[in-house]
PDB file of N, CA and C in Angstrom:
ATOM      1  N   UNK A   1       0.844  -1.171   0.000  1.00  0.00           N
ATOM      2  CA  UNK A   1       0.000   0.000   0.000  1.00  0.00           C
ATOM      3  C   UNK A   1       0.886   1.229   0.000  1.00  0.00           C
ATOM      4  N   UNK A   2       0.548   2.188  -0.805  1.00  0.00           N
ATOM      5  CA  UNK A   2       1.361   3.394  -0.904  1.00  0.00           C
ATOM      6  C   UNK A   2       0.633   4.559  -0.248  1.00  0.00           C
ATOM      7  N   UNK A   3       1.397   5.509   0.176  1.00  0.00           N
ATOM      8  CA  UNK A   3       0.807   6.709   0.763  1.00  0.00           C
ATOM      9  C   UNK A   3       1.042   7.877  -0.190  1.00  0.00           C
ATOM     10  N   UNK A   4       0.100   8.792  -0.185  1.00  0.00           N
ATOM     11  CA  UNK A   4       0.164   9.947  -1.072  1.00  0.00           C
ATOM     12  C   UNK A   4       0.258  11.195  -0.209  1.00  0.00           C
ATOM     13  N   UNK A   5       1.140  12.084  -0.601  1.00  0.00           N
ATOM     14  CA  UNK A   5       1.259  13.331   0.137  1.00  0.00           C
ATOM     15  C   UNK A   5       0.061  14.221  -0.172  1.00  0.00           C
ATOM     16  N   UNK A   6      -0.482  14.833   0.839  1.00  0.00           N
ATOM     17  CA  UNK A   6      -1.703  15.622   0.706  1.00  0.00           C
ATOM     18  C   UNK A   6      -1.492  16.856  -0.169  1.00  0.00           C
ATOM     19  N   UNK A   7      -0.266  17.353  -0.246  1.00  0.00           N
ATOM     20  CA  UNK A   7       0.003  18.546  -1.054  1.00  0.00           C
ATOM     21  C   UNK A   7      -0.007  18.249  -2.551  1.00  0.00           C
ATOM     22  N   UNK A   8       0.308  17.025  -2.926  1.00  0.00           N
ATOM     23  CA  UNK A   8       0.439  16.697  -4.352  1.00  0.00           C
ATOM     24  C   UNK A   8      -0.674  15.796  -4.867  1.00  0.00           C
ATOM     25  N   UNK A   9      -1.686  15.535  -4.060  1.00  0.00           N
ATOM     26  CA  UNK A   9      -2.748  14.616  -4.470  1.00  0.00           C
ATOM     27  C   UNK A   9      -3.661  15.281  -5.509  1.00  0.00           C
ATOM     28  N   UNK A  10      -4.038  14.513  -6.512  1.00  0.00           N
ATOM     29  CA  UNK A  10      -4.931  14.961  -7.583  1.00  0.00           C
ATOM     30  C   UNK A  10      -6.192  14.096  -7.536  1.00  0.00           C
ATOM     31  N   UNK A  11      -7.330  14.587  -8.060  1.00  0.00           N
ATOM     32  CA  UNK A  11      -8.568  13.789  -8.033  1.00  0.00           C
ATOM     33  C   UNK A  11      -8.433  12.434  -8.718  1.00  0.00           C
ATOM     34  N   UNK A  12      -7.692  12.360  -9.819  1.00  0.00           N
ATOM     35  CA  UNK A  12      -7.536  11.081 -10.514  1.00  0.00           C
ATOM     36  C   UNK A  12      -6.706  10.079  -9.712  1.00  0.00           C
ATOM     37  N   UNK A  13      -5.986  10.543  -8.698  1.00  0.00           N
ATOM     38  CA  UNK A  13      -5.258   9.627  -7.823  1.00  0.00           C
ATOM     39  C   UNK A  13      -6.186   8.953  -6.819  1.00  0.00           C
ATOM     40  N   UNK A  14      -7.325   9.562  -6.512  1.00  0.00           N
ATOM     41  CA  UNK A  14      -8.241   9.040  -5.504  1.00  0.00           C
ATOM     42  C   UNK A  14      -9.389   8.224  -6.095  1.00  0.00           C
ATOM     43  N   UNK A  15      -9.881   8.627  -7.250  1.00  0.00           N
ATOM     44  CA  UNK A  15     -11.075   8.006  -7.830  1.00  0.00           C
ATOM     45  C   UNK A  15     -10.767   7.522  -9.239  1.00  0.00           C
ATOM     46  N   UNK A  16     -11.210   6.312  -9.536  1.00  0.00           N
ATOM     47  CA  UNK A  16     -11.075   5.769 -10.881  1.00  0.00           C
ATOM     48  C   UNK A  16     -12.342   6.124 -11.661  1.00  0.00           C
ATOM     49  N   UNK A  17     -12.219   6.912 -12.708  1.00  0.00           N
ATOM     50  CA  UNK A  17     -13.371   7.385 -13.475  1.00  0.00           C
ATOM     51  C   UNK A  17     -13.816   6.395 -14.542  1.00  0.00           C
ATOM     52  N   UNK A  18     -13.072   5.343 -14.785  1.00  0.00           N
ATOM     53  CA  UNK A  18     -13.417   4.410 -15.864  1.00  0.00           C
ATOM     54  C   UNK A  18     -14.757   3.700 -15.656  1.00  0.00           C
ATOM     55  N   UNK A  19     -15.108   3.214 -14.455  1.00  0.00           N
ATOM     56  CA  UNK A  19     -16.427   2.570 -14.303  1.00  0.00           C
ATOM     57  C   UNK A  19     -17.596   3.525 -14.551  1.00  0.00           C
ATOM     58  N   UNK A  20     -17.499   4.751 -14.076  1.00  0.00           N
ATOM     59  CA  UNK A  20     -18.575   5.719 -14.306  1.00  0.00           C
ATOM     60  C   UNK A  20     -18.670   6.081 -15.783  1.00  0.00           C
ATOM     61  N   UNK A  21     -17.544   6.281 -16.429  1.00  0.00           N
ATOM     62  CA  UNK A  21     -17.547   6.604 -17.858  1.00  0.00           C
ATOM     63  C   UNK A  21     -18.092   5.444 -18.674  1.00  0.00           C
ATOM     64  N   UNK A  22     -17.782   4.218 -18.278  1.00  0.00           N
ATOM     65  CA  UNK A  22     -18.292   3.045 -18.999  1.00  0.00           C
ATOM     66  C   UNK A  22     -19.807   2.925 -18.851  1.00  0.00           C
ATOM     67  N   UNK A  23     -20.345   3.215 -17.664  1.00  0.00           N
ATOM     68  CA  UNK A  23     -21.794   3.149 -17.457  1.00  0.00           C
ATOM     69  C   UNK A  23     -22.520   4.210 -18.285  1.00  0.00           C
ATOM     70  N   UNK A  24     -21.996   5.415 -18.328  1.00  0.00           N
ATOM     71  CA  UNK A  24     -22.607   6.481 -19.130  1.00  0.00           C
ATOM     72  C   UNK A  24     -22.532   6.133 -20.609  1.00  0.00           C
ATOM     73  N   UNK A  25     -21.379   5.646 -21.058  1.00  0.00           N
ATOM     74  CA  UNK A  25     -21.212   5.271 -22.461  1.00  0.00           C
ATOM     75  C   UNK A  25     -22.150   4.127 -22.843  1.00  0.00           C
ATOM     76  N   UNK A  26     -22.330   3.166 -21.942  1.00  0.00           N
ATOM     77  CA  UNK A  26     -23.216   2.032 -22.221  1.00  0.00           C
ATOM     78  C   UNK A  26     -24.669   2.487 -22.312  1.00  0.00           C
ATOM     79  N   UNK A  27     -25.095   3.399 -21.426  1.00  0.00           N
ATOM     80  CA  UNK A  27     -26.477   3.888 -21.465  1.00  0.00           C
ATOM     81  C   UNK A  27     -26.754   4.642 -22.755  1.00  0.00           C
ATOM     82  N   UNK A  28     -25.910   5.604 -23.085  1.00  0.00           N
ATOM     83  CA  UNK A  28     -26.163   6.418 -24.266  1.00  0.00           C
ATOM     84  C   UNK A  28     -25.870   5.685 -25.562  1.00  0.00           C
ATOM     85  N   UNK A  29     -25.088   4.631 -25.508  1.00  0.00           N
ATOM     86  CA  UNK A  29     -24.754   3.900 -26.723  1.00  0.00           C
ATOM     87  C   UNK A  29     -25.693   2.769 -27.057  1.00  0.00           C
ATOM     88  N   UNK A  30     -26.312   2.147 -26.047  1.00  0.00           N
ATOM     89  CA  UNK A  30     -27.095   0.947 -26.342  1.00  0.00           C
ATOM     90  C   UNK A  30     -28.476   0.914 -25.697  1.00  0.00           C
ATOM     91  N   UNK A  31     -28.879   1.958 -25.003  1.00  0.00           N
ATOM     92  CA  UNK A  31     -30.187   1.957 -24.355  1.00  0.00           C
ATOM     93  C   UNK A  31     -31.296   2.183 -25.373  1.00  0.00           C
ATOM     94  N   UNK A  32     -32.468   1.614 -25.098  1.00  0.00           N
ATOM     95  CA  UNK A  32     -33.628   1.822 -25.959  1.00  0.00           C
ATOM     96  C   UNK A  32     -34.169   3.243 -25.836  1.00  0.00           C
ATOM     97  N   UNK A  33     -33.826   3.921 -24.760  1.00  0.00           N
ATOM     98  CA  UNK A  33     -34.365   5.255 -24.520  1.00  0.00           C
ATOM     99  C   UNK A  33     -33.481   6.379 -25.054  1.00  0.00           C
ATOM    100  N   UNK A  34     -32.326   6.060 -25.617  1.00  0.00           N
ATOM    101  CA  UNK A  34     -31.461   7.104 -26.159  1.00  0.00           C
ATOM    102  C   UNK A  34     -31.394   6.990 -27.672  1.00  0.00           C
ATOM    103  N   UNK A  35     -31.299   8.129 -28.317  1.00  0.00           N
ATOM    104  CA  UNK A  35     -31.194   8.172 -29.774  1.00  0.00           C
ATOM    105  C   UNK A  35     -30.494   9.459 -30.174  1.00  0.00           C
ATOM    106  N   UNK A  36     -29.958   9.480 -31.391  1.00  0.00           N
ATOM    107  CA  UNK A  36     -29.300  10.674 -31.885  1.00  0.00           C
ATOM    108  C   UNK A  36     -30.337  11.759 -32.128  1.00  0.00           C
ATOM    109  N   UNK A  37     -29.990  12.994 -31.754  1.00  0.00           N
ATOM    110  CA  UNK A  37     -30.945  14.082 -31.881  1.00  0.00           C
ATOM    111  C   UNK A  37     -31.020  14.562 -33.326  1.00  0.00           C
ATOM    112  N   UNK A  38     -32.227  14.794 -33.770  1.00  0.00           N
ATOM    113  CA  UNK A  38     -32.477  15.318 -35.104  1.00  0.00           C
ATOM    114  C   UNK A  38     -32.170  16.811 -35.102  1.00  0.00           C
ATOM    115  N   UNK A  39     -31.097  17.215 -35.778  1.00  0.00           N
ATOM    116  CA  UNK A  39     -30.684  18.615 -35.799  1.00  0.00           C
ATOM    117  C   UNK A  39     -30.814  19.215 -37.195  1.00  0.00           C
ATOM    118  N   UNK A  40     -31.856  18.834 -37.913  1.00  0.00           N
ATOM    119  CA  UNK A  40     -32.073  19.368 -39.253  1.00  0.00           C
ATOM    120  C   UNK A  40     -32.315  20.872 -39.194  1.00  0.00           C
ATOM    121  N   UNK A  41     -33.157  21.291 -38.279  1.00  0.00           N
ATOM    122  CA  UNK A  41     -33.429  22.715 -38.077  1.00  0.00           C
ATOM    123  C   UNK A  41     -33.794  22.921 -36.606  1.00  0.00           C
ATOM    124  N   UNK A  42     -33.871  24.163 -36.125  1.00  0.00           N
ATOM    125  CA  UNK A  42     -34.169  24.397 -34.707  1.00  0.00           C
ATOM    126  C   UNK A  42     -35.511  23.834 -34.251  1.00  0.00           C
ATOM    127  N   UNK A  43     -36.523  23.851 -35.109  1.00  0.00           N
ATOM    128  CA  UNK A  43     -37.833  23.331 -34.730  1.00  0.00           C
ATOM    129  C   UNK A  43     -37.796  21.821 -34.506  1.00  0.00           C
ATOM    130  N   UNK A  44     -37.095  21.092 -35.362  1.00  0.00           N
ATOM    131  CA  UNK A  44     -37.001  19.641 -35.179  1.00  0.00           C
ATOM    132  C   UNK A  44     -36.206  19.295 -33.924  1.00  0.00           C
ATOM    133  N   UNK A  45     -35.232  20.118 -33.571  1.00  0.00           N
ATOM    134  CA  UNK A  45     -34.466  19.893 -32.344  1.00  0.00           C
ATOM    135  C   UNK A  45     -35.339  20.080 -31.106  1.00  0.00           C
ATOM    136  N   UNK A  46     -36.160  21.122 -31.086  1.00  0.00           N
ATOM    137  CA  UNK A  46     -37.067  21.367 -29.957  1.00  0.00           C
ATOM    138  C   UNK A  46     -38.095  20.247 -29.853  1.00  0.00           C
ATOM    139  N   UNK A  47     -38.635  19.828 -30.987  1.00  0.00           N
ATOM    140  CA  UNK A  47     -39.619  18.747 -31.002  1.00  0.00           C
ATOM    141  C   UNK A  47     -39.009  17.457 -30.475  1.00  0.00           C
ATOM    142  N   UNK A  48     -37.773  17.190 -30.860  1.00  0.00           N
ATOM    143  CA  UNK A  48     -37.096  15.974 -30.409  1.00  0.00           C
ATOM    144  C   UNK A  48     -36.903  15.985 -28.890  1.00  0.00           C
ATOM    145  N   UNK A  49     -36.602  17.142 -28.328  1.00  0.00           N
ATOM    146  CA  UNK A  49     -36.379  17.248 -26.884  1.00  0.00           C
ATOM    147  C   UNK A  49     -37.672  17.131 -26.080  1.00  0.00           C
ATOM    148  N   UNK A  50     -38.831  17.392 -26.690  1.00  0.00           N
ATOM    149  CA  UNK A  50     -40.118  17.331 -25.988  1.00  0.00           C
ATOM    150  C   UNK A  50     -40.856  16.023 -26.224  1.00  0.00           C
ATOM    151  N   UNK A  51     -40.198  15.030 -26.773  1.00  0.00           N
ATOM    152  CA  UNK A  51     -40.828  13.757 -27.115  1.00  0.00           C
ATOM    153  C   UNK A  51     -40.944  12.860 -25.881  1.00  0.00           C
ATOM    154  N   UNK A  52     -42.076  12.161 -25.776  1.00  0.00           N
ATOM    155  CA  UNK A  52     -42.349  11.219 -24.688  1.00  0.00           C
ATOM    156  C   UNK A  52     -42.491   9.823 -25.266  1.00  0.00           C
ATOM    157  N   UNK A  53     -42.037   8.824 -24.522  1.00  0.00           N
ATOM    158  CA  UNK A  53     -42.124   7.448 -25.008  1.00  0.00           C
ATOM    159  C   UNK A  53     -42.700   6.547 -23.926  1.00  0.00           C
ATOM    160  N   UNK A  54     -43.597   5.667 -24.336  1.00  0.00           N
ATOM    161  CA  UNK A  54     -44.142   4.656 -23.427  1.00  0.00           C
ATOM    162  C   UNK A  54     -43.405   3.335 -23.599  1.00  0.00           C
ATOM    163  N   UNK A  55     -42.411   3.311 -24.472  1.00  0.00           N
ATOM    164  CA  UNK A  55     -41.648   2.098 -24.753  1.00  0.00           C
ATOM    165  C   UNK A  55     -40.384   2.065 -23.903  1.00  0.00           C
ATOM    166  N   UNK A  56     -39.667   0.957 -23.960  1.00  0.00           N
ATOM    167  CA  UNK A  56     -38.383   0.851 -23.282  1.00  0.00           C
ATOM    168  C   UNK A  56     -38.457   0.029 -22.022  1.00  0.00           C
ATOM    169  N   UNK A  57     -37.359   0.008 -21.256  1.00  0.00           N
ATOM    170  CA  UNK A  57     -37.329  -0.768 -20.019  1.00  0.00           C
ATOM    171  C   UNK A  57     -38.347  -0.251 -19.010  1.00  0.00           C
ATOM    172  N   UNK A  58     -39.164  -1.131 -18.478  1.00  0.00           N
ATOM    173  CA  UNK A  58     -40.198  -0.756 -17.526  1.00  0.00           C
ATOM    174  C   UNK A  58     -41.450  -0.215 -18.181  1.00  0.00           C
ATOM    175  N   UNK A  59     -41.495  -0.189 -19.496  1.00  0.00           N
ATOM    176  CA  UNK A  59     -42.648   0.342 -20.215  1.00  0.00           C
ATOM    177  C   UNK A  59     -43.348  -0.732 -21.021  1.00  0.00           C
ATOM    178  N   UNK A  60     -44.013  -0.306 -22.062  1.00  0.00           N
ATOM    179  CA  UNK A  60     -44.783  -1.206 -22.914  1.00  0.00           C
ATOM    180  C   UNK A  60     -43.947  -1.706 -24.082  1.00  0.00           C
ATOM    181  N   UNK A  61     -44.480  -2.712 -24.777  1.00  0.00           N
ATOM    182  CA  UNK A  61     -43.912  -3.146 -26.047  1.00  0.00           C
ATOM    183  C   UNK A  61     -44.933  -2.863 -27.140  1.00  0.00           C
ATOM    184  N   UNK A  62     -44.461  -2.735 -28.360  1.00  0.00           N
ATOM    185  CA  UNK A  62     -45.364  -2.429 -29.477  1.00  0.00           C
ATOM    186  C   UNK A  62     -46.414  -3.512 -29.655  1.00  0.00           C
ATOM    187  N   UNK A  63     -46.025  -4.752 -29.416  1.00  0.00           N
ATOM    188  CA  UNK A  63     -46.925  -5.880 -29.647  1.00  0.00           C
ATOM    189  C   UNK A  63     -48.018  -5.973 -28.592  1.00  0.00           C
ATOM    190  N   UNK A  64     -47.707  -5.630 -27.347  1.00  0.00           N
ATOM    191  CA  UNK A  64     -48.660  -5.815 -26.252  1.00  0.00           C
ATOM    192  C   UNK A  64     -49.535  -4.593 -25.999  1.00  0.00           C
ATOM    193  N   UNK A  65     -49.237  -3.463 -26.623  1.00  0.00           N
ATOM    194  CA  UNK A  65     -50.021  -2.243 -26.403  1.00  0.00           C
ATOM    195  C   UNK A  65     -51.316  -2.310 -27.199  1.00  0.00           C
ATOM    196  N   UNK A  66     -52.442  -2.202 -26.516  1.00  0.00           N
ATOM    197  CA  UNK A  66     -53.749  -2.268 -27.170  1.00  0.00           C
ATOM    198  C   UNK A  66     -54.250  -0.897 -27.580  1.00  0.00           C
ATOM    199  N   UNK A  67     -55.486  -0.874 -28.072  1.00  0.00           N
ATOM    200  CA  UNK A  67     -56.085   0.372 -28.539  1.00  0.00           C
ATOM    201  C   UNK A  67     -56.313   1.360 -27.399  1.00  0.00           C
ATOM    202  N   UNK A  68     -56.676   0.859 -26.209  1.00  0.00           N
ATOM    203  CA  UNK A  68     -56.958   1.775 -25.102  1.00  0.00           C
ATOM    204  C   UNK A  68     -55.708   2.525 -24.650  1.00  0.00           C
ATOM    205  N   UNK A  69     -54.532   1.945 -24.828  1.00  0.00           N
ATOM    206  CA  UNK A  69     -53.288   2.633 -24.470  1.00  0.00           C
ATOM    207  C   UNK A  69     -52.937   3.679 -25.524  1.00  0.00           C
ATOM    208  N   UNK A  70     -53.180   3.357 -26.779  1.00  0.00           N
ATOM    209  CA  UNK A  70     -52.807   4.231 -27.889  1.00  0.00           C
ATOM    210  C   UNK A  70     -53.796   5.373 -28.109  1.00  0.00           C
ATOM    211  N   UNK A  71     -55.013   5.236 -27.625  1.00  0.00           N
ATOM    212  CA  UNK A  71     -56.063   6.221 -27.877  1.00  0.00           C
ATOM    213  C   UNK A  71     -55.862   7.466 -27.007  1.00  0.00           C
ATOM    214  N   UNK A  72     -56.471   8.572 -27.412  1.00  0.00           N
ATOM    215  CA  UNK A  72     -56.395   9.824 -26.661  1.00  0.00           C
ATOM    216  C   UNK A  72     -57.331   9.742 -25.465  1.00  0.00           C
ATOM    217  N   UNK A  73     -56.827  10.090 -24.293  1.00  0.00           N
ATOM    218  CA  UNK A  73     -57.597  10.060 -23.051  1.00  0.00           C
ATOM    219  C   UNK A  73     -57.925  11.501 -22.649  1.00  0.00           C
ATOM    220  N   UNK A  74     -59.061  11.749 -21.999  1.00  0.00           N
ATOM    221  CA  UNK A  74     -59.399  13.128 -21.596  1.00  0.00           C
ATOM    222  C   UNK A  74     -58.351  13.792 -20.698  1.00  0.00           C
ATOM    223  N   UNK A  75     -57.586  13.028 -19.955  1.00  0.00           N
ATOM    224  CA  UNK A  75     -56.557  13.629 -19.098  1.00  0.00           C
ATOM    225  C   UNK A  75     -55.358  14.128 -19.894  1.00  0.00           C
ATOM    226  N   UNK A  76     -55.269  13.791 -21.176  1.00  0.00           N
ATOM    227  CA  UNK A  76     -54.172  14.275 -22.017  1.00  0.00           C
ATOM    228  C   UNK A  76     -54.357  15.734 -22.413  1.00  0.00           C
ATOM    229  N   UNK A  77     -55.568  16.266 -22.255  1.00  0.00           N
ATOM    230  CA  UNK A  77     -55.875  17.618 -22.719  1.00  0.00           C
ATOM    231  C   UNK A  77     -54.936  18.641 -22.081  1.00  0.00           C
ATOM    232  N   UNK A  78     -54.214  19.372 -22.901  1.00  0.00           N
ATOM    233  CA  UNK A  78     -53.288  20.388 -22.420  1.00  0.00           C
ATOM    234  C   UNK A  78     -51.952  19.839 -21.979  1.00  0.00           C
ATOM    235  N   UNK A  79     -51.801  18.537 -21.887  1.00  0.00           N
ATOM    236  CA  UNK A  79     -50.552  17.932 -21.432  1.00  0.00           C
ATOM    237  C   UNK A  79     -49.794  17.253 -22.565  1.00  0.00           C
ATOM    238  N   UNK A  80     -50.496  16.414 -23.325  1.00  0.00           N
ATOM    239  CA  UNK A  80     -49.880  15.644 -24.405  1.00  0.00           C
ATOM    240  C   UNK A  80     -50.583  15.997 -25.708  1.00  0.00           C
ATOM    241  N   UNK A  81     -49.797  16.270 -26.741  1.00  0.00           N
ATOM    242  CA  UNK A  81     -50.359  16.645 -28.040  1.00  0.00           C
ATOM    243  C   UNK A  81     -50.972  15.415 -28.705  1.00  0.00           C
ATOM    244  N   UNK A  82     -52.275  15.431 -29.020  1.00  0.00           N
ATOM    245  CA  UNK A  82     -52.911  14.263 -29.636  1.00  0.00           C
ATOM    246  C   UNK A  82     -52.614  14.124 -31.128  1.00  0.00           C
ATOM    247  N   UNK A  83     -52.066  15.162 -31.741  1.00  0.00           N
ATOM    248  CA  UNK A  83     -51.827  15.146 -33.182  1.00  0.00           C
ATOM    249  C   UNK A  83     -50.425  14.658 -33.519  1.00  0.00           C
ATOM    250  N   UNK A  84     -49.450  15.088 -32.752  1.00  0.00           N
ATOM    251  CA  UNK A  84     -48.059  14.788 -33.084  1.00  0.00           C
ATOM    252  C   UNK A  84     -47.647  13.415 -32.543  1.00  0.00           C
ATOM    253  N   UNK A  85     -47.927  12.393 -33.303  1.00  0.00           N
ATOM    254  CA  UNK A  85     -47.532  11.027 -32.992  1.00  0.00           C
ATOM    255  C   UNK A  85     -47.181  10.351 -34.312  1.00  0.00           C
ATOM    256  N   UNK A  86     -46.209   9.471 -34.334  1.00  0.00           N
ATOM    257  CA  UNK A  86     -45.827   8.855 -35.609  1.00  0.00           C
ATOM    258  C   UNK A  86     -46.885   7.885 -36.122  1.00  0.00           C
ATOM    259  N   UNK A  87     -46.819   7.618 -37.404  1.00  0.00           N
ATOM    260  CA  UNK A  87     -47.692   6.610 -37.998  1.00  0.00           C
ATOM    261  C   UNK A  87     -47.011   5.254 -37.889  1.00  0.00           C
ATOM    262  N   UNK A  88     -47.782   4.211 -38.061  1.00  0.00           N
ATOM    263  CA  UNK A  88     -47.218   2.869 -38.035  1.00  0.00           C
ATOM    264  C   UNK A  88     -47.321   2.220 -36.671  1.00  0.00           C
ATOM    265  N   UNK A  89     -46.376   1.331 -36.330  1.00  0.00           N
ATOM    266  CA  UNK A  89     -46.488   0.570 -35.075  1.00  0.00           C
ATOM    267  C   UNK A  89     -46.307   1.409 -33.816  1.00  0.00           C
ATOM    268  N   UNK A  90     -45.740   2.613 -33.930  1.00  0.00           N
ATOM    269  CA  UNK A  90     -45.517   3.463 -32.754  1.00  0.00           C
ATOM    270  C   UNK A  90     -46.642   4.454 -32.498  1.00  0.00           C
ATOM    271  N   UNK A  91     -47.730   4.375 -33.254  1.00  0.00           N
ATOM    272  CA  UNK A  91     -48.799   5.363 -33.108  1.00  0.00           C
ATOM    273  C   UNK A  91     -49.381   5.315 -31.689  1.00  0.00           C
ATOM    274  N   UNK A  92     -49.426   6.467 -31.046  1.00  0.00           N
ATOM    275  CA  UNK A  92     -49.948   6.570 -29.692  1.00  0.00           C
ATOM    276  C   UNK A  92     -48.967   6.182 -28.605  1.00  0.00           C
ATOM    277  N   UNK A  93     -47.835   5.579 -28.952  1.00  0.00           N
ATOM    278  CA  UNK A  93     -46.839   5.186 -27.955  1.00  0.00           C
ATOM    279  C   UNK A  93     -45.717   6.210 -27.841  1.00  0.00           C
ATOM    280  N   UNK A  94     -45.469   6.927 -28.922  1.00  0.00           N
ATOM    281  CA  UNK A  94     -44.506   8.024 -28.925  1.00  0.00           C
ATOM    282  C   UNK A  94     -45.324   9.301 -29.080  1.00  0.00           C
ATOM    283  N   UNK A  95     -45.266  10.188 -28.104  1.00  0.00           N
ATOM    284  CA  UNK A  95     -46.049  11.420 -28.107  1.00  0.00           C
ATOM    285  C   UNK A  95     -45.136  12.603 -27.844  1.00  0.00           C
ATOM    286  N   UNK A  96     -45.700  13.785 -27.856  1.00  0.00           N
ATOM    287  CA  UNK A  96     -44.965  15.007 -27.534  1.00  0.00           C
ATOM    288  C   UNK A  96     -45.735  15.798 -26.492  1.00  0.00           C
ATOM    289  N   UNK A  97     -45.008  16.600 -25.730  1.00  0.00           N
ATOM    290  CA  UNK A  97     -45.661  17.494 -24.779  1.00  0.00           C
ATOM    291  C   UNK A  97     -46.445  18.549 -25.543  1.00  0.00           C
ATOM    292  N   UNK A  98     -47.555  18.981 -24.985  1.00  0.00           N
ATOM    293  CA  UNK A  98     -48.331  20.065 -25.586  1.00  0.00           C
ATOM    294  C   UNK A  98     -47.544  21.370 -25.464  1.00  0.00           C
ATOM    295  N   UNK A  99     -48.040  22.408 -26.098  1.00  0.00           N
ATOM    296  CA  UNK A  99     -47.283  23.657 -26.199  1.00  0.00           C
ATOM    297  C   UNK A  99     -46.914  24.250 -24.844  1.00  0.00           C
ATOM    298  N   UNK A 100     -47.854  24.371 -23.929  1.00  0.00           N
ATOM    299  CA  UNK A 100     -47.579  24.998 -22.638  1.00  0.00           C
ATOM    300  C   UNK A 100     -47.413  23.993 -21.503  1.00  0.00           C
ATOM    301  N   UNK A 101     -47.289  22.725 -21.810  1.00  0.00           N
ATOM    302  CA  UNK A 101     -47.119  21.706 -20.774  1.00  0.00           C
ATOM    303  C   UNK A 101     -45.681  21.699 -20.275  1.00  0.00           C
ATOM    304  N   UNK A 102     -45.518  21.290 -19.026  1.00  0.00           N
ATOM    305  CA  UNK A 102     -44.176  21.155 -18.458  1.00  0.00           C
ATOM    306  C   UNK A 102     -44.184  20.027 -17.442  1.00  0.00           C
ATOM    307  N   UNK A 103     -43.018  19.524 -17.125  1.00  0.00           N
ATOM    308  CA  UNK A 103     -42.868  18.466 -16.135  1.00  0.00           C
ATOM    309  C   UNK A 103     -42.420  19.129 -14.837  1.00  0.00           C
ATOM    310  N   UNK A 104     -43.175  18.888 -13.740  1.00  0.00           N
ATOM    311  CA  UNK A 104     -42.826  19.525 -12.469  1.00  0.00           C
ATOM    312  C   UNK A 104     -41.726  18.738 -11.762  1.00  0.00           C
ATOM    313  N   UNK A 105     -41.340  19.183 -10.575  1.00  0.00           N
ATOM    314  CA  UNK A 105     -40.222  18.556  -9.867  1.00  0.00           C
ATOM    315  C   UNK A 105     -40.542  17.148  -9.377  1.00  0.00           C
ATOM    316  N   UNK A 106     -41.819  16.766  -9.351  1.00  0.00           N
ATOM    317  CA  UNK A 106     -42.214  15.420  -8.942  1.00  0.00           C
ATOM    318  C   UNK A 106     -42.377  14.471 -10.123  1.00  0.00           C
ATOM    319  N   UNK A 107     -42.218  14.969 -11.350  1.00  0.00           N
ATOM    320  CA  UNK A 107     -42.319  14.133 -12.537  1.00  0.00           C
ATOM    321  C   UNK A 107     -43.691  14.106 -13.175  1.00  0.00           C
ATOM    322  N   UNK A 108     -44.631  14.908 -12.681  1.00  0.00           N
ATOM    323  CA  UNK A 108     -45.966  14.975 -13.263  1.00  0.00           C
ATOM    324  C   UNK A 108     -46.003  16.035 -14.356  1.00  0.00           C
ATOM    325  N   UNK A 109     -46.808  15.787 -15.382  1.00  0.00           N
ATOM    326  CA  UNK A 109     -46.969  16.758 -16.459  1.00  0.00           C
ATOM    327  C   UNK A 109     -48.046  17.747 -16.044  1.00  0.00           C
ATOM    328  N   UNK A 110     -47.689  19.026 -16.023  1.00  0.00           N
ATOM    329  CA  UNK A 110     -48.615  20.083 -15.621  1.00  0.00           C
ATOM    330  C   UNK A 110     -49.113  20.838 -16.839  1.00  0.00           C
ATOM    331  N   UNK A 111     -50.342  21.322 -16.732  1.00  0.00           N
ATOM    332  CA  UNK A 111     -50.958  22.115 -17.785  1.00  0.00           C
ATOM    333  C   UNK A 111     -51.476  23.409 -17.173  1.00  0.00           C
ATOM    334  N   UNK A 112     -51.377  24.529 -17.884  1.00  0.00           N
ATOM    335  CA  UNK A 112     -51.884  25.780 -17.309  1.00  0.00           C
ATOM    336  C   UNK A 112     -53.398  25.878 -17.316  1.00  0.00           C
ATOM    337  N   UNK A 113     -54.112  24.951 -17.960  1.00  0.00           N
ATOM    338  CA  UNK A 113     -55.570  25.036 -18.066  1.00  0.00           C
ATOM    339  C   UNK A 113     -56.219  24.211 -16.978  1.00  0.00           C
TER     340      UNK A 113
END
């Protein structure tokens, strides 16, 4: 065991950053919830950042999601945009926040109405 002088100690001498960097790299590189951001124009970038997904770990699968999950519910009013959803197998599972909706500190979607 070696001793380090307190005057010359650096953060990399105390903590190994490789496990944390590997976990972050693994999440952003192979997770179902991460994807490359669409930067075609500023509007597509904002839309991409406001996207919500019901898929992924702990969520639904495309095959098991029925019509009642994909359909618009009255509680979505002012919170989730009923128009902006992709066509095909992801319809109703990938949504966007409404214009004035926001996520509060507890994780709930709030609406000003």
